Protein backbone atom coordinates (compact mmCIF):
# COMPACT_ATOMS: atom_id res chain seq x y z
CA MET A 1 -0.12 -11.16 3.59
CA ALA A 2 1.50 -10.74 6.99
CA ILE A 3 2.32 -7.28 8.32
CA THR A 4 5.35 -7.01 10.60
CA THR A 5 6.34 -4.09 12.80
CA MET A 6 9.89 -3.59 14.08
CA THR A 7 11.55 -0.81 16.00
CA SER A 8 14.53 0.94 14.42
CA ARG A 9 16.73 -0.75 17.01
CA GLU A 10 15.39 -4.21 16.14
CA PHE A 11 15.89 -3.47 12.43
CA ASN A 12 19.50 -2.33 13.01
CA GLN A 13 20.28 -5.41 15.09
CA ASP A 14 18.70 -7.94 12.72
CA ALA A 15 18.25 -6.62 9.17
CA SER A 16 18.19 -10.17 7.80
CA LYS A 17 15.12 -10.93 9.94
CA ALA A 18 13.42 -7.86 8.44
CA LYS A 19 14.30 -8.98 4.92
CA ARG A 20 12.86 -12.45 5.55
CA ALA A 21 9.68 -10.92 6.98
CA ALA A 22 9.35 -8.64 3.91
CA ASN A 23 8.95 -11.76 1.76
CA ASP A 24 5.61 -12.36 3.56
CA GLY A 25 4.37 -8.75 3.56
CA PRO A 26 5.33 -5.19 4.44
CA VAL A 27 7.62 -4.50 7.38
CA PHE A 28 6.85 -1.25 9.19
CA ILE A 29 9.90 0.23 10.94
CA THR A 30 9.12 2.61 13.77
CA ASP A 31 11.02 5.52 15.28
CA ARG A 32 9.92 6.37 18.81
CA GLY A 33 6.77 4.33 18.41
CA ARG A 34 5.64 5.93 15.16
CA PRO A 35 5.84 4.29 11.71
CA ALA A 36 8.73 5.87 9.80
CA HIS A 37 9.67 3.45 7.00
CA VAL A 38 8.30 0.44 5.15
CA LEU A 39 10.41 -2.41 3.81
CA LEU A 40 8.95 -4.35 0.86
CA ALA A 41 10.15 -7.25 -1.24
CA ILE A 42 11.16 -5.93 -4.67
CA GLU A 43 8.37 -7.90 -6.35
CA GLU A 44 5.76 -6.19 -4.16
CA TYR A 45 7.30 -2.77 -4.78
CA GLN A 46 7.29 -3.34 -8.54
CA ARG A 47 3.68 -4.49 -8.39
CA LEU A 48 2.70 -1.32 -6.54
CA VAL A 49 4.50 1.13 -8.82
CA GLY A 50 4.23 -0.79 -12.05
CA ARG A 51 1.80 -0.04 -14.82
CA ASP A 52 -0.09 -3.23 -14.04
CA ALA A 53 -1.38 -1.90 -10.71
CA THR A 54 -5.17 -1.72 -10.65
CA ILE A 55 -7.45 0.33 -8.46
CA GLY A 56 -8.22 -2.93 -6.67
CA ASP A 57 -4.52 -3.41 -5.84
CA LEU A 58 -4.30 0.10 -4.46
CA LEU A 59 -7.49 -0.27 -2.41
CA ALA A 60 -6.13 -3.52 -0.93
CA LEU A 61 -3.14 -1.77 0.65
CA PRO A 62 -2.99 -1.74 4.45
CA GLY A 63 -4.33 1.44 6.01
CA VAL A 64 -6.62 2.53 3.19
CA GLU A 65 -9.69 1.70 5.24
CA ASP A 66 -8.98 4.89 7.20
CA ILE A 67 -8.98 7.12 4.10
CA ASP A 68 -12.16 9.06 3.37
CA LEU A 69 -12.95 8.78 -0.32
CA PRO A 70 -15.88 11.07 -1.11
CA ILE A 71 -17.49 10.06 -4.37
CA GLY A 72 -20.10 12.50 -5.58
CA LYS A 73 -22.47 12.73 -8.50
CA ARG A 74 -21.18 13.27 -12.01
CA ALA A 75 -20.67 16.90 -12.90
CA MET A 76 -22.05 16.46 -16.42
CA ALA A 77 -25.24 14.85 -17.58
CA LEU A 78 -24.99 12.02 -20.06
CA LYS A 79 -26.71 12.67 -23.39
CA VAL A 80 -28.35 9.96 -25.45
CA PRO A 81 -27.36 10.31 -29.11
CA GLU A 82 -30.08 10.65 -31.71
CA LEU A 83 -30.24 7.70 -34.07
CA GLU A 84 -31.50 8.23 -37.60
């Protein structure tokens, strides 16, 4: 998956280039050097918001490596059932 970055000006001047790039991966559109929008192919968007998305899909998204995900111990103890 290729990630493309375009300025707002580049996007306005060549939207078809952005659409072609979105077929290969997300296109980040910047305003004044900061990411402001993301263009995705409809198939990728549907995969992300659809019911078939798995935790693996979500963890594979660009930028998630910077998210702190604290995972602690279980709050409740597991009990072993008595068998008769």
